Amino acid sequence: MRIKRALPVLFGFLLFVAAVAAVVVLRKHAPPEPARLLPGADGFVYVDLKWMRRADIANNPPAVPHDPQYEQFIQATGFQFERDLQEAAFAIHYASPQTGGETRFSEVFVAKIDGDKLRTYLKKLATSVDSYRSLNIYNLALQGRTLRVAILGVDTVAVSNHNDPAVIRGIIDRSRKLASPFGGPALLRQFYKHVPLTSLAWAIFRLDSAGAQKSVSLPLSSPATVAASVRYRPLLGVVFQAEAFTGNEQAAEQLTSQVNTFLAIFQSAEVSVAGQTPDPDIKKALESLKVEQKKDRTVLTATVPAALIRKMVAEAPAEVRPKSPGH
């Protein structure tokens, strides 16, 4: 009798454990939370700066002078992008009637911030402040557009220059709901599974509209979706991979042929410019470039040695400086 009574309890407990395990697995394969907060868009980019710093890819790059406006921002808020930014997720809205004929962007940043200082700074710059779900949306005039900024939490900020105010309100709405692995924009839900789990940065974007053609120039004869990622391997360097999902094998074959032709021309030009004794790390990166067809996909892979990245960072010109917010 006791065994019969215990069976339903045991069965219920096993169901609970299975449900928790399923949620954990789904969350592991779901886009990062900042990306899931973004609105529907034509393209998405995500960067995990926490792991980049831990990997020490750039090997402590030299300090770069700040322009006056950016220095004023640092002094007012105590926030420094290159030091305090941890995660960044971007949504790209291609030019359309809904965007006023221009490409617009929405972003979610996770960082170490001083909320009070940042609110004070934004309030001084804002032309107006809207209240939505107990949060302030700061409206800033920037280059003929309205840049909307909302502080979602102790470490999260949302920004959008989309001309529809409902876009940033949607981000606020999603931030107030229980995080779900099933959430996020449709494009991410469909293609994020093709992003390797250990990626430090990735991008997913459509190439099927006039806005995409203006933003990205690729030899495509039909619509496609690209999933690109960057991973770090201590013994290899930075591994780049891009998959173009073309929809059919014929289009993938054509794209693969065109990209291979372009890479052959590019590699020949690089060797000619470098002379008879090119940098061994550059040579290694060029030789690692590979394009192949996998059914309806064109896959490009390349490996950039960590030593080459450190050289590029160390030799970067002084004119390359962090821009002030909004630039």
C-alpha atoms as a PDB file:
ATOM      1  CA  MET A   1       0.000   0.000   0.000  1.00  0.00           C
ATOM      2  CA  ARG A   2       2.821   2.411   0.852  1.00  0.00           C
ATOM      3  CA  ILE A   3       4.505   1.619  -2.473  1.00  0.00           C
ATOM      4  CA  LYS A   4       1.313   2.431  -4.375  1.00  0.00           C
ATOM      5  CA  ARG A   5       1.033   5.760  -2.566  1.00  0.00           C
ATOM      6  CA  ALA A   6       4.674   6.600  -3.222  1.00  0.00           C
ATOM      7  CA  LEU A   7       4.499   5.916  -6.973  1.00  0.00           C
ATOM      8  CA  PRO A   8       2.481   9.060  -7.878  1.00  0.00           C
ATOM      9  CA  VAL A   9       4.851  11.198  -5.784  1.00  0.00           C
ATOM     10  CA  LEU A  10       7.910   9.617  -7.419  1.00  0.00           C
ATOM     11  CA  PHE A  11       6.355   9.999 -10.870  1.00  0.00           C
ATOM     12  CA  GLY A  12       5.590  13.659 -10.192  1.00  0.00           C
ATOM     13  CA  PHE A  13       9.119  14.272  -8.956  1.00  0.00           C
ATOM     14  CA  LEU A  14      10.623  12.655 -12.077  1.00  0.00           C
ATOM     15  CA  LEU A  15       8.395  14.821 -14.290  1.00  0.00           C
ATOM     16  CA  PHE A  16       9.577  17.911 -12.421  1.00  0.00           C
ATOM     17  CA  VAL A  17      13.245  16.938 -12.830  1.00  0.00           C
ATOM     18  CA  ALA A  18      12.706  16.236 -16.546  1.00  0.00           C
ATOM     19  CA  ALA A  19      10.999  19.609 -17.014  1.00  0.00           C
ATOM     20  CA  VAL A  20      13.846  21.455 -15.273  1.00  0.00           C
ATOM     21  CA  ALA A  21      16.435  19.581 -17.347  1.00  0.00           C
ATOM     22  CA  ALA A  22      14.551  20.439 -20.547  1.00  0.00           C
ATOM     23  CA  VAL A  23      14.455  24.131 -19.634  1.00  0.00           C
ATOM     24  CA  VAL A  24      18.187  24.100 -18.840  1.00  0.00           C
ATOM     25  CA  VAL A  25      18.995  22.477 -22.191  1.00  0.00           C
ATOM     26  CA  LEU A  26      16.729  24.890 -24.058  1.00  0.00           C
ATOM     27  CA  ARG A  27      18.267  27.898 -22.307  1.00  0.00           C
ATOM     28  CA  LYS A  28      21.722  26.605 -23.242  1.00  0.00           C
ATOM     29  CA  HIS A  29      20.759  26.615 -26.914  1.00  0.00           C
ATOM     30  CA  ALA A  30      18.715  29.836 -26.773  1.00  0.00           C
ATOM     31  CA  PRO A  31      20.094  33.237 -27.836  1.00  0.00           C
ATOM     32  CA  PRO A  32      21.591  35.311 -24.986  1.00  0.00           C
ATOM     33  CA  GLU A  33      19.098  37.335 -22.963  1.00  0.00           C
ATOM     34  CA  PRO A  34      20.106  40.743 -24.436  1.00  0.00           C
ATOM     35  CA  ALA A  35      19.438  39.411 -27.948  1.00  0.00           C
ATOM     36  CA  ARG A  36      16.056  37.964 -26.918  1.00  0.00           C
ATOM     37  CA  LEU A  37      14.971  41.413 -25.748  1.00  0.00           C
ATOM     38  CA  LEU A  38      15.504  42.914 -29.208  1.00  0.00           C
ATOM     39  CA  PRO A  39      12.618  43.620 -31.600  1.00  0.00           C
ATOM     40  CA  GLY A  40      12.036  41.823 -34.876  1.00  0.00           C
ATOM     41  CA  ALA A  41      14.563  43.023 -37.466  1.00  0.00           C
ATOM     42  CA  ASP A  42      16.443  42.093 -40.625  1.00  0.00           C
ATOM     43  CA  GLY A  43      19.749  41.420 -38.916  1.00  0.00           C
ATOM     44  CA  PHE A  44      21.267  40.839 -35.483  1.00  0.00           C
ATOM     45  CA  VAL A  45      24.765  41.127 -34.029  1.00  0.00           C
ATOM     46  CA  TYR A  46      25.918  40.013 -30.583  1.00  0.00           C
ATOM     47  CA  VAL A  47      29.277  40.480 -28.848  1.00  0.00           C
ATOM     48  CA  ASP A  48      30.324  38.940 -25.524  1.00  0.00           C
ATOM     49  CA  LEU A  49      33.097  41.197 -24.262  1.00  0.00           C
ATOM     50  CA  LYS A  50      33.374  39.395 -20.920  1.00  0.00           C
ATOM     51  CA  TRP A  51      34.796  36.287 -22.547  1.00  0.00           C
ATOM     52  CA  MET A  52      36.907  38.307 -24.970  1.00  0.00           C
ATOM     53  CA  ARG A  53      38.631  39.944 -22.025  1.00  0.00           C
ATOM     54  CA  ARG A  54      39.066  36.608 -20.255  1.00  0.00           C
ATOM     55  CA  ALA A  55      40.555  35.134 -23.420  1.00  0.00           C
ATOM     56  CA  ASP A  56      42.864  38.180 -23.544  1.00  0.00           C
ATOM     57  CA  ILE A  57      42.836  38.091 -27.342  1.00  0.00           C
ATOM     58  CA  ALA A  58      44.298  41.561 -27.707  1.00  0.00           C
ATOM     59  CA  ASN A  59      46.869  40.975 -24.932  1.00  0.00           C
ATOM     60  CA  ASN A  60      46.239  44.253 -23.068  1.00  0.00           C
ATOM     61  CA  PRO A  61      46.052  46.751 -25.955  1.00  0.00           C
ATOM     62  CA  PRO A  62      47.662  50.159 -25.379  1.00  0.00           C
ATOM     63  CA  ALA A  63      45.524  52.993 -24.060  1.00  0.00           C
ATOM     64  CA  VAL A  64      44.004  55.212 -26.738  1.00  0.00           C
ATOM     65  CA  PRO A  65      43.358  58.944 -26.198  1.00  0.00           C
ATOM     66  CA  HIS A  66      39.681  59.894 -25.909  1.00  0.00           C
ATOM     67  CA  ASP A  67      38.056  62.640 -27.924  1.00  0.00           C
ATOM     68  CA  PRO A  68      36.711  65.564 -25.805  1.00  0.00           C
ATOM     69  CA  GLN A  69      33.026  64.573 -26.025  1.00  0.00           C
ATOM     70  CA  TYR A  70      33.712  60.993 -25.004  1.00  0.00           C
ATOM     71  CA  GLU A  71      35.896  62.194 -22.130  1.00  0.00           C
ATOM     72  CA  GLN A  72      33.045  64.429 -20.944  1.00  0.00           C
ATOM     73  CA  PHE A  73      30.715  61.415 -21.063  1.00  0.00           C
ATOM     74  CA  ILE A  74      33.161  59.363 -18.954  1.00  0.00           C
ATOM     75  CA  GLN A  75      33.505  62.132 -16.397  1.00  0.00           C
ATOM     76  CA  ALA A  76      29.739  62.604 -16.125  1.00  0.00           C
ATOM     77  CA  THR A  77      28.707  58.939 -15.947  1.00  0.00           C
ATOM     78  CA  GLY A  78      31.809  57.099 -14.738  1.00  0.00           C
ATOM     79  CA  PHE A  79      31.216  54.668 -17.618  1.00  0.00           C
ATOM     80  CA  GLN A  80      33.913  53.676 -20.084  1.00  0.00           C
ATOM     81  CA  PHE A  81      32.875  51.447 -22.996  1.00  0.00           C
ATOM     82  CA  GLU A  82      36.177  49.624 -23.426  1.00  0.00           C
ATOM     83  CA  ARG A  83      36.335  48.843 -19.710  1.00  0.00           C
ATOM     84  CA  ASP A  84      32.752  48.431 -18.477  1.00  0.00           C
ATOM     85  CA  LEU A  85      30.744  47.052 -21.402  1.00  0.00           C
ATOM     86  CA  GLN A  86      30.115  43.318 -20.953  1.00  0.00           C
ATOM     87  CA  GLU A  87      27.562  42.341 -23.610  1.00  0.00           C
ATOM     88  CA  ALA A  88      26.090  44.125 -26.615  1.00  0.00           C
ATOM     89  CA  ALA A  89      23.226  43.018 -28.857  1.00  0.00           C
ATOM     90  CA  PHE A  90      22.187  44.946 -31.982  1.00  0.00           C
ATOM     91  CA  ALA A  91      19.126  44.746 -34.212  1.00  0.00           C
ATOM     92  CA  ILE A  92      19.435  46.134 -37.756  1.00  0.00           C
ATOM     93  CA  HIS A  93      16.289  47.519 -39.370  1.00  0.00           C
ATOM     94  CA  TYR A  94      16.865  47.789 -43.118  1.00  0.00           C
ATOM     95  CA  ALA A  95      15.614  50.870 -44.913  1.00  0.00           C
ATOM     96  CA  SER A  96      11.857  50.674 -45.521  1.00  0.00           C
ATOM     97  CA  PRO A  97       8.774  52.895 -45.308  1.00  0.00           C
ATOM     98  CA  GLN A  98       8.515  51.900 -41.620  1.00  0.00           C
ATOM     99  CA  THR A  99      11.998  53.288 -40.930  1.00  0.00           C
ATOM    100  CA  GLY A 100      11.548  56.445 -42.965  1.00  0.00           C
ATOM    101  CA  GLY A 101      13.642  55.057 -45.823  1.00  0.00           C
ATOM    102  CA  GLU A 102      16.792  54.766 -43.674  1.00  0.00           C
ATOM    103  CA  THR A 103      18.604  51.937 -41.942  1.00  0.00           C
ATOM    104  CA  ARG A 104      17.905  52.129 -38.210  1.00  0.00           C
ATOM    105  CA  PHE A 105      19.255  50.296 -35.167  1.00  0.00           C
ATOM    106  CA  SER A 106      18.105  49.042 -31.779  1.00  0.00           C
ATOM    107  CA  GLU A 107      20.538  47.910 -29.085  1.00  0.00           C
ATOM    108  CA  VAL A 108      20.636  46.298 -25.664  1.00  0.00           C
ATOM    109  CA  PHE A 109      23.789  46.761 -23.575  1.00  0.00           C
ATOM    110  CA  VAL A 110      24.805  44.923 -20.414  1.00  0.00           C
ATOM    111  CA  ALA A 111      27.483  46.776 -18.478  1.00  0.00           C
ATOM    112  CA  LYS A 112      28.735  48.024 -15.147  1.00  0.00           C
ATOM    113  CA  ILE A 113      26.864  51.309 -14.804  1.00  0.00           C
ATOM    114  CA  ASP A 114      26.046  53.891 -12.184  1.00  0.00           C
ATOM    115  CA  GLY A 115      22.308  54.265 -12.776  1.00  0.00           C
ATOM    116  CA  ASP A 116      21.942  57.586 -10.957  1.00  0.00           C
ATOM    117  CA  LYS A 117      24.815  59.253 -12.838  1.00  0.00           C
ATOM    118  CA  LEU A 118      23.594  57.922 -16.180  1.00  0.00           C
ATOM    119  CA  ARG A 119      20.025  59.133 -15.546  1.00  0.00           C
ATOM    120  CA  THR A 120      21.291  62.590 -14.618  1.00  0.00           C
ATOM    121  CA  TYR A 121      23.407  62.725 -17.785  1.00  0.00           C
ATOM    122  CA  LEU A 122      20.552  61.583 -20.032  1.00  0.00           C
ATOM    123  CA  LYS A 123      18.089  63.990 -18.441  1.00  0.00           C
ATOM    124  CA  LYS A 124      20.374  66.921 -19.255  1.00  0.00           C
ATOM    125  CA  LEU A 125      20.642  65.901 -22.901  1.00  0.00           C
ATOM    126  CA  ALA A 126      17.048  64.812 -23.485  1.00  0.00           C
ATOM    127  CA  THR A 127      14.647  67.034 -25.396  1.00  0.00           C
ATOM    128  CA  SER A 128      11.809  65.206 -23.618  1.00  0.00           C
ATOM    129  CA  VAL A 129      11.234  62.268 -21.275  1.00  0.00           C
ATOM    130  CA  ASP A 130       8.409  59.733 -21.646  1.00  0.00           C
ATOM    131  CA  SER A 131       7.202  57.441 -18.884  1.00  0.00           C
ATOM    132  CA  TYR A 132       6.346  53.844 -19.759  1.00  0.00           C
ATOM    133  CA  ARG A 133       5.739  51.015 -17.287  1.00  0.00           C
ATOM    134  CA  SER A 134       7.392  53.020 -14.494  1.00  0.00           C
ATOM    135  CA  LEU A 135      10.528  53.591 -16.602  1.00  0.00           C
ATOM    136  CA  ASN A 136      11.768  56.786 -18.200  1.00  0.00           C
ATOM    137  CA  ILE A 137      12.477  56.859 -21.921  1.00  0.00           C
ATOM    138  CA  TYR A 138      14.912  59.662 -22.689  1.00  0.00           C
ATOM    139  CA  ASN A 139      14.435  61.195 -26.147  1.00  0.00           C
ATOM    140  CA  LEU A 140      17.664  62.658 -27.528  1.00  0.00           C
ATOM    141  CA  ALA A 141      17.901  64.649 -30.760  1.00  0.00           C
ATOM    142  CA  LEU A 142      20.762  63.249 -32.835  1.00  0.00           C
ATOM    143  CA  GLN A 143      21.537  63.923 -36.511  1.00  0.00           C
ATOM    144  CA  GLY A 144      17.953  64.684 -37.380  1.00  0.00           C
ATOM    145  CA  ARG A 145      16.648  61.572 -35.632  1.00  0.00           C
ATOM    146  CA  THR A 146      15.314  60.746 -32.189  1.00  0.00           C
ATOM    147  CA  LEU A 147      17.514  58.446 -30.148  1.00  0.00           C
ATOM    148  CA  ARG A 148      15.504  56.800 -27.363  1.00  0.00           C
ATOM    149  CA  VAL A 149      17.285  55.436 -24.281  1.00  0.00           C
ATOM    150  CA  ALA A 150      15.796  53.431 -21.406  1.00  0.00           C
ATOM    151  CA  ILE A 151      17.590  52.010 -18.356  1.00  0.00           C
ATOM    152  CA  LEU A 152      16.034  48.556 -17.934  1.00  0.00           C
ATOM    153  CA  GLY A 153      17.858  47.475 -14.786  1.00  0.00           C
ATOM    154  CA  VAL A 154      20.979  47.817 -12.672  1.00  0.00           C
ATOM    155  CA  ASP A 155      23.180  46.669 -15.546  1.00  0.00           C
ATOM    156  CA  THR A 156      21.051  46.844 -18.709  1.00  0.00           C
ATOM    157  CA  VAL A 157      20.322  49.726 -21.089  1.00  0.00           C
ATOM    158  CA  ALA A 158      18.160  49.759 -24.233  1.00  0.00           C
ATOM    159  CA  VAL A 159      18.704  52.195 -27.127  1.00  0.00           C
ATOM    160  CA  SER A 160      16.863  52.667 -30.427  1.00  0.00           C
ATOM    161  CA  ASN A 161      16.781  55.284 -33.178  1.00  0.00           C
ATOM    162  CA  HIS A 162      13.844  53.628 -34.933  1.00  0.00           C
ATOM    163  CA  ASN A 163      11.250  56.283 -35.709  1.00  0.00           C
ATOM    164  CA  ASP A 164       8.478  54.183 -34.127  1.00  0.00           C
ATOM    165  CA  PRO A 165       8.464  54.650 -30.312  1.00  0.00           C
ATOM    166  CA  ALA A 166       6.715  51.280 -29.982  1.00  0.00           C
ATOM    167  CA  VAL A 167      10.046  49.576 -30.755  1.00  0.00           C
ATOM    168  CA  ILE A 168      11.756  50.548 -27.497  1.00  0.00           C
ATOM    169  CA  ARG A 169       8.514  50.045 -25.596  1.00  0.00           C
ATOM    170  CA  GLY A 170       8.493  46.479 -26.870  1.00  0.00           C
ATOM    171  CA  ILE A 171      11.995  45.982 -25.471  1.00  0.00           C
ATOM    172  CA  ILE A 172      10.777  47.254 -22.100  1.00  0.00           C
ATOM    173  CA  ASP A 173       7.780  44.905 -22.226  1.00  0.00           C
ATOM    174  CA  ARG A 174       9.987  41.884 -22.895  1.00  0.00           C
ATOM    175  CA  SER A 175      12.397  42.874 -20.130  1.00  0.00           C
ATOM    176  CA  ARG A 176       9.514  42.785 -17.649  1.00  0.00           C
ATOM    177  CA  LYS A 177       8.501  39.231 -18.552  1.00  0.00           C
ATOM    178  CA  LEU A 178       9.991  36.024 -17.248  1.00  0.00           C
ATOM    179  CA  ALA A 179      12.976  35.104 -19.419  1.00  0.00           C
ATOM    180  CA  SER A 180      12.004  32.321 -21.814  1.00  0.00           C
ATOM    181  CA  PRO A 181      14.203  30.233 -24.146  1.00  0.00           C
ATOM    182  CA  PHE A 182      11.312  30.322 -26.601  1.00  0.00           C
ATOM    183  CA  GLY A 183      11.343  34.133 -26.734  1.00  0.00           C
ATOM    184  CA  GLY A 184      13.144  36.486 -29.052  1.00  0.00           C
ATOM    185  CA  PRO A 185      12.772  37.605 -32.666  1.00  0.00           C
ATOM    186  CA  ALA A 186      11.633  35.004 -35.208  1.00  0.00           C
ATOM    187  CA  LEU A 187      14.859  35.221 -37.250  1.00  0.00           C
ATOM    188  CA  LEU A 188      16.933  34.363 -34.164  1.00  0.00           C
ATOM    189  CA  ARG A 189      14.648  31.523 -33.119  1.00  0.00           C
ATOM    190  CA  GLN A 190      15.050  29.989 -36.588  1.00  0.00           C
ATOM    191  CA  PHE A 191      18.795  30.380 -37.187  1.00  0.00           C
ATOM    192  CA  TYR A 192      20.527  30.728 -33.805  1.00  0.00           C
ATOM    193  CA  LYS A 193      20.891  26.925 -33.664  1.00  0.00           C
ATOM    194  CA  HIS A 194      23.557  27.297 -36.362  1.00  0.00           C
ATOM    195  CA  VAL A 195      25.726  29.488 -34.103  1.00  0.00           C
ATOM    196  CA  PRO A 196      28.412  27.458 -32.230  1.00  0.00           C
ATOM    197  CA  LEU A 197      27.886  27.511 -28.462  1.00  0.00           C
ATOM    198  CA  THR A 198      31.352  28.891 -27.682  1.00  0.00           C
ATOM    199  CA  SER A 199      31.071  31.910 -29.996  1.00  0.00           C
ATOM    200  CA  LEU A 200      32.397  35.200 -28.617  1.00  0.00           C
ATOM    201  CA  ALA A 201      30.498  37.127 -31.277  1.00  0.00           C
ATOM    202  CA  TRP A 202      27.951  36.256 -33.945  1.00  0.00           C
ATOM    203  CA  ALA A 203      25.692  37.812 -36.549  1.00  0.00           C
ATOM    204  CA  ILE A 204      22.520  36.631 -38.282  1.00  0.00           C
ATOM    205  CA  PHE A 205      21.068  38.693 -41.108  1.00  0.00           C
ATOM    206  CA  ARG A 206      18.839  38.410 -44.142  1.00  0.00           C
ATOM    207  CA  LEU A 207      19.923  39.302 -47.636  1.00  0.00           C
ATOM    208  CA  ASP A 208      16.640  39.571 -49.455  1.00  0.00           C
ATOM    209  CA  SER A 209      15.691  43.216 -49.634  1.00  0.00           C
ATOM    210  CA  ALA A 210      16.811  46.518 -51.133  1.00  0.00           C
ATOM    211  CA  GLY A 211      18.012  47.602 -47.696  1.00  0.00           C
ATOM    212  CA  ALA A 212      20.199  44.511 -47.422  1.00  0.00           C
ATOM    213  CA  GLN A 213      21.662  45.036 -50.891  1.00  0.00           C
ATOM    214  CA  LYS A 214      22.665  48.579 -49.986  1.00  0.00           C
ATOM    215  CA  SER A 215      24.177  47.515 -46.661  1.00  0.00           C
ATOM    216  CA  VAL A 216      25.971  44.333 -47.745  1.00  0.00           C
ATOM    217  CA  SER A 217      27.426  43.595 -51.162  1.00  0.00           C
ATOM    218  CA  LEU A 218      27.454  39.850 -51.869  1.00  0.00           C
ATOM    219  CA  PRO A 219      27.120  37.911 -55.126  1.00  0.00           C
ATOM    220  CA  LEU A 220      23.621  36.571 -54.433  1.00  0.00           C
ATOM    221  CA  SER A 221      21.100  35.799 -57.149  1.00  0.00           C
ATOM    222  CA  SER A 222      18.353  34.842 -54.669  1.00  0.00           C
ATOM    223  CA  PRO A 223      17.388  35.604 -51.046  1.00  0.00           C
ATOM    224  CA  ALA A 224      19.588  34.109 -48.362  1.00  0.00           C
ATOM    225  CA  THR A 225      20.230  34.217 -44.634  1.00  0.00           C
ATOM    226  CA  VAL A 226      23.760  34.394 -43.255  1.00  0.00           C
ATOM    227  CA  ALA A 227      24.838  33.093 -39.844  1.00  0.00           C
ATOM    228  CA  ALA A 228      28.381  34.151 -38.953  1.00  0.00           C
ATOM    229  CA  SER A 229      30.352  33.506 -35.780  1.00  0.00           C
ATOM    230  CA  VAL A 230      33.722  34.148 -34.147  1.00  0.00           C
ATOM    231  CA  ARG A 231      35.306  31.704 -31.711  1.00  0.00           C
ATOM    232  CA  TYR A 232      38.631  31.754 -29.903  1.00  0.00           C
ATOM    233  CA  ARG A 233      40.898  28.726 -29.722  1.00  0.00           C
ATOM    234  CA  PRO A 234      44.069  29.269 -27.628  1.00  0.00           C
ATOM    235  CA  LEU A 235      46.212  27.023 -29.848  1.00  0.00           C
ATOM    236  CA  LEU A 236      44.757  28.243 -33.149  1.00  0.00           C
ATOM    237  CA  GLY A 237      43.595  31.838 -32.747  1.00  0.00           C
ATOM    238  CA  VAL A 238      40.307  33.374 -33.818  1.00  0.00           C
ATOM    239  CA  VAL A 239      38.129  31.037 -35.878  1.00  0.00           C
ATOM    240  CA  PHE A 240      35.637  32.714 -38.201  1.00  0.00           C
ATOM    241  CA  GLN A 241      32.741  30.866 -39.818  1.00  0.00           C
ATOM    242  CA  ALA A 242      29.922  32.099 -42.038  1.00  0.00           C
ATOM    243  CA  GLU A 243      27.091  30.012 -43.455  1.00  0.00           C
ATOM    244  CA  ALA A 244      24.825  31.363 -46.198  1.00  0.00           C
ATOM    245  CA  PHE A 245      21.511  29.505 -46.361  1.00  0.00           C
ATOM    246  CA  THR A 246      20.370  29.998 -49.944  1.00  0.00           C
ATOM    247  CA  GLY A 247      17.255  27.823 -50.061  1.00  0.00           C
ATOM    248  CA  ASN A 248      18.392  25.495 -52.882  1.00  0.00           C
ATOM    249  CA  GLU A 249      21.527  23.671 -54.005  1.00  0.00           C
ATOM    250  CA  GLN A 250      21.817  25.488 -57.343  1.00  0.00           C
ATOM    251  CA  ALA A 251      22.004  28.903 -55.677  1.00  0.00           C
ATOM    252  CA  ALA A 252      24.510  27.566 -53.126  1.00  0.00           C
ATOM    253  CA  GLU A 253      26.679  26.147 -55.908  1.00  0.00           C
ATOM    254  CA  GLN A 254      26.658  29.473 -57.768  1.00  0.00           C
ATOM    255  CA  LEU A 255      27.477  31.451 -54.637  1.00  0.00           C
ATOM    256  CA  THR A 256      30.296  29.056 -53.667  1.00  0.00           C
ATOM    257  CA  SER A 257      31.855  29.410 -57.121  1.00  0.00           C
ATOM    258  CA  GLN A 258      31.630  33.206 -57.053  1.00  0.00           C
ATOM    259  CA  VAL A 259      33.101  33.507 -53.538  1.00  0.00           C
ATOM    260  CA  ASN A 260      35.958  31.131 -54.421  1.00  0.00           C
ATOM    261  CA  THR A 261      36.769  33.271 -57.474  1.00  0.00           C
ATOM    262  CA  PHE A 262      36.727  36.441 -55.373  1.00  0.00           C
ATOM    263  CA  LEU A 263      38.981  34.874 -52.709  1.00  0.00           C
ATOM    264  CA  ALA A 264      41.484  33.720 -55.320  1.00  0.00           C
ATOM    265  CA  ILE A 265      41.744  37.273 -56.670  1.00  0.00           C
ATOM    266  CA  PHE A 266      41.972  38.704 -53.148  1.00  0.00           C
ATOM    267  CA  GLN A 267      44.713  36.297 -52.060  1.00  0.00           C
ATOM    268  CA  SER A 268      46.750  37.021 -55.197  1.00  0.00           C
ATOM    269  CA  ALA A 269      46.437  40.770 -54.609  1.00  0.00           C
ATOM    270  CA  GLU A 270      47.504  40.442 -50.949  1.00  0.00           C
ATOM    271  CA  VAL A 271      50.557  38.402 -51.868  1.00  0.00           C
ATOM    272  CA  SER A 272      51.545  40.951 -54.538  1.00  0.00           C
ATOM    273  CA  VAL A 273      51.232  43.848 -52.102  1.00  0.00           C
ATOM    274  CA  ALA A 274      53.135  42.039 -49.354  1.00  0.00           C
ATOM    275  CA  GLY A 275      56.034  41.229 -51.696  1.00  0.00           C
ATOM    276  CA  GLN A 276      58.192  38.135 -51.699  1.00  0.00           C
ATOM    277  CA  THR A 277      58.347  37.829 -47.884  1.00  0.00           C
ATOM    278  CA  PRO A 278      54.839  38.401 -46.530  1.00  0.00           C
ATOM    279  CA  ASP A 279      54.144  38.339 -42.806  1.00  0.00           C
ATOM    280  CA  PRO A 280      53.948  34.641 -41.825  1.00  0.00           C
ATOM    281  CA  ASP A 281      50.811  35.236 -39.746  1.00  0.00           C
ATOM    282  CA  ILE A 282      49.061  36.994 -42.643  1.00  0.00           C
ATOM    283  CA  LYS A 283      50.101  34.167 -44.937  1.00  0.00           C
ATOM    284  CA  LYS A 284      48.736  31.623 -42.484  1.00  0.00           C
ATOM    285  CA  ALA A 285      45.401  33.487 -42.251  1.00  0.00           C
ATOM    286  CA  LEU A 286      45.077  33.693 -46.040  1.00  0.00           C
ATOM    287  CA  GLU A 287      45.884  30.025 -46.478  1.00  0.00           C
ATOM    288  CA  SER A 288      43.208  29.106 -43.921  1.00  0.00           C
ATOM    289  CA  LEU A 289      40.421  30.675 -45.991  1.00  0.00           C
ATOM    290  CA  LYS A 290      38.131  27.933 -47.237  1.00  0.00           C
ATOM    291  CA  VAL A 291      34.772  27.977 -49.034  1.00  0.00           C
ATOM    292  CA  GLU A 292      32.689  24.887 -49.639  1.00  0.00           C
ATOM    293  CA  GLN A 293      29.145  23.919 -50.522  1.00  0.00           C
ATOM    294  CA  LYS A 294      27.017  21.796 -48.190  1.00  0.00           C
ATOM    295  CA  LYS A 295      23.734  21.098 -49.959  1.00  0.00           C
ATOM    296  CA  ASP A 296      21.832  24.417 -49.875  1.00  0.00           C
ATOM    297  CA  ARG A 297      24.530  26.225 -47.892  1.00  0.00           C
ATOM    298  CA  THR A 298      27.758  27.990 -48.687  1.00  0.00           C
ATOM    299  CA  VAL A 299      30.212  27.765 -45.783  1.00  0.00           C
ATOM    300  CA  LEU A 300      33.246  30.021 -45.393  1.00  0.00           C
ATOM    301  CA  THR A 301      35.822  29.387 -42.664  1.00  0.00           C
ATOM    302  CA  ALA A 302      39.062  31.112 -41.720  1.00  0.00           C
ATOM    303  CA  THR A 303      41.497  31.183 -38.816  1.00  0.00           C
ATOM    304  CA  VAL A 304      43.324  34.347 -37.778  1.00  0.00           C
ATOM    305  CA  PRO A 305      46.363  33.688 -35.544  1.00  0.00           C
ATOM    306  CA  ALA A 306      46.226  35.426 -32.173  1.00  0.00           C
ATOM    307  CA  ALA A 307      49.676  36.877 -32.870  1.00  0.00           C
ATOM    308  CA  LEU A 308      48.307  38.696 -35.914  1.00  0.00           C
ATOM    309  CA  ILE A 309      45.461  40.227 -33.910  1.00  0.00           C
ATOM    310  CA  ARG A 310      47.911  41.474 -31.287  1.00  0.00           C
ATOM    311  CA  LYS A 311      50.071  43.013 -34.016  1.00  0.00           C
ATOM    312  CA  MET A 312      47.049  44.759 -35.537  1.00  0.00           C
ATOM    313  CA  VAL A 313      45.984  46.153 -32.154  1.00  0.00           C
ATOM    314  CA  ALA A 314      49.501  47.273 -31.240  1.00  0.00           C
ATOM    315  CA  GLU A 315      50.011  48.976 -34.614  1.00  0.00           C
ATOM    316  CA  ALA A 316      46.577  50.639 -34.775  1.00  0.00           C
ATOM    317  CA  PRO A 317      46.914  54.354 -35.639  1.00  0.00           C
ATOM    318  CA  ALA A 318      46.372  56.897 -32.873  1.00  0.00           C
ATOM    319  CA  GLU A 319      43.545  58.440 -34.907  1.00  0.00           C
ATOM    320  CA  VAL A 320      41.399  55.367 -34.227  1.00  0.00           C
ATOM    321  CA  ARG A 321      39.684  56.435 -31.015  1.00  0.00           C
ATOM    322  CA  PRO A 322      36.473  55.553 -29.194  1.00  0.00           C
ATOM    323  CA  LYS A 323      33.680  57.842 -30.282  1.00  0.00           C
ATOM    324  CA  SER A 324      31.344  59.583 -27.922  1.00  0.00           C
ATOM    325  CA  PRO A 325      27.879  57.970 -27.477  1.00  0.00           C
ATOM    326  CA  GLY A 326      25.579  58.472 -30.422  1.00  0.00           C
ATOM    327  CA  HIS A 327      28.354  58.781 -33.051  1.00  0.00           C
END
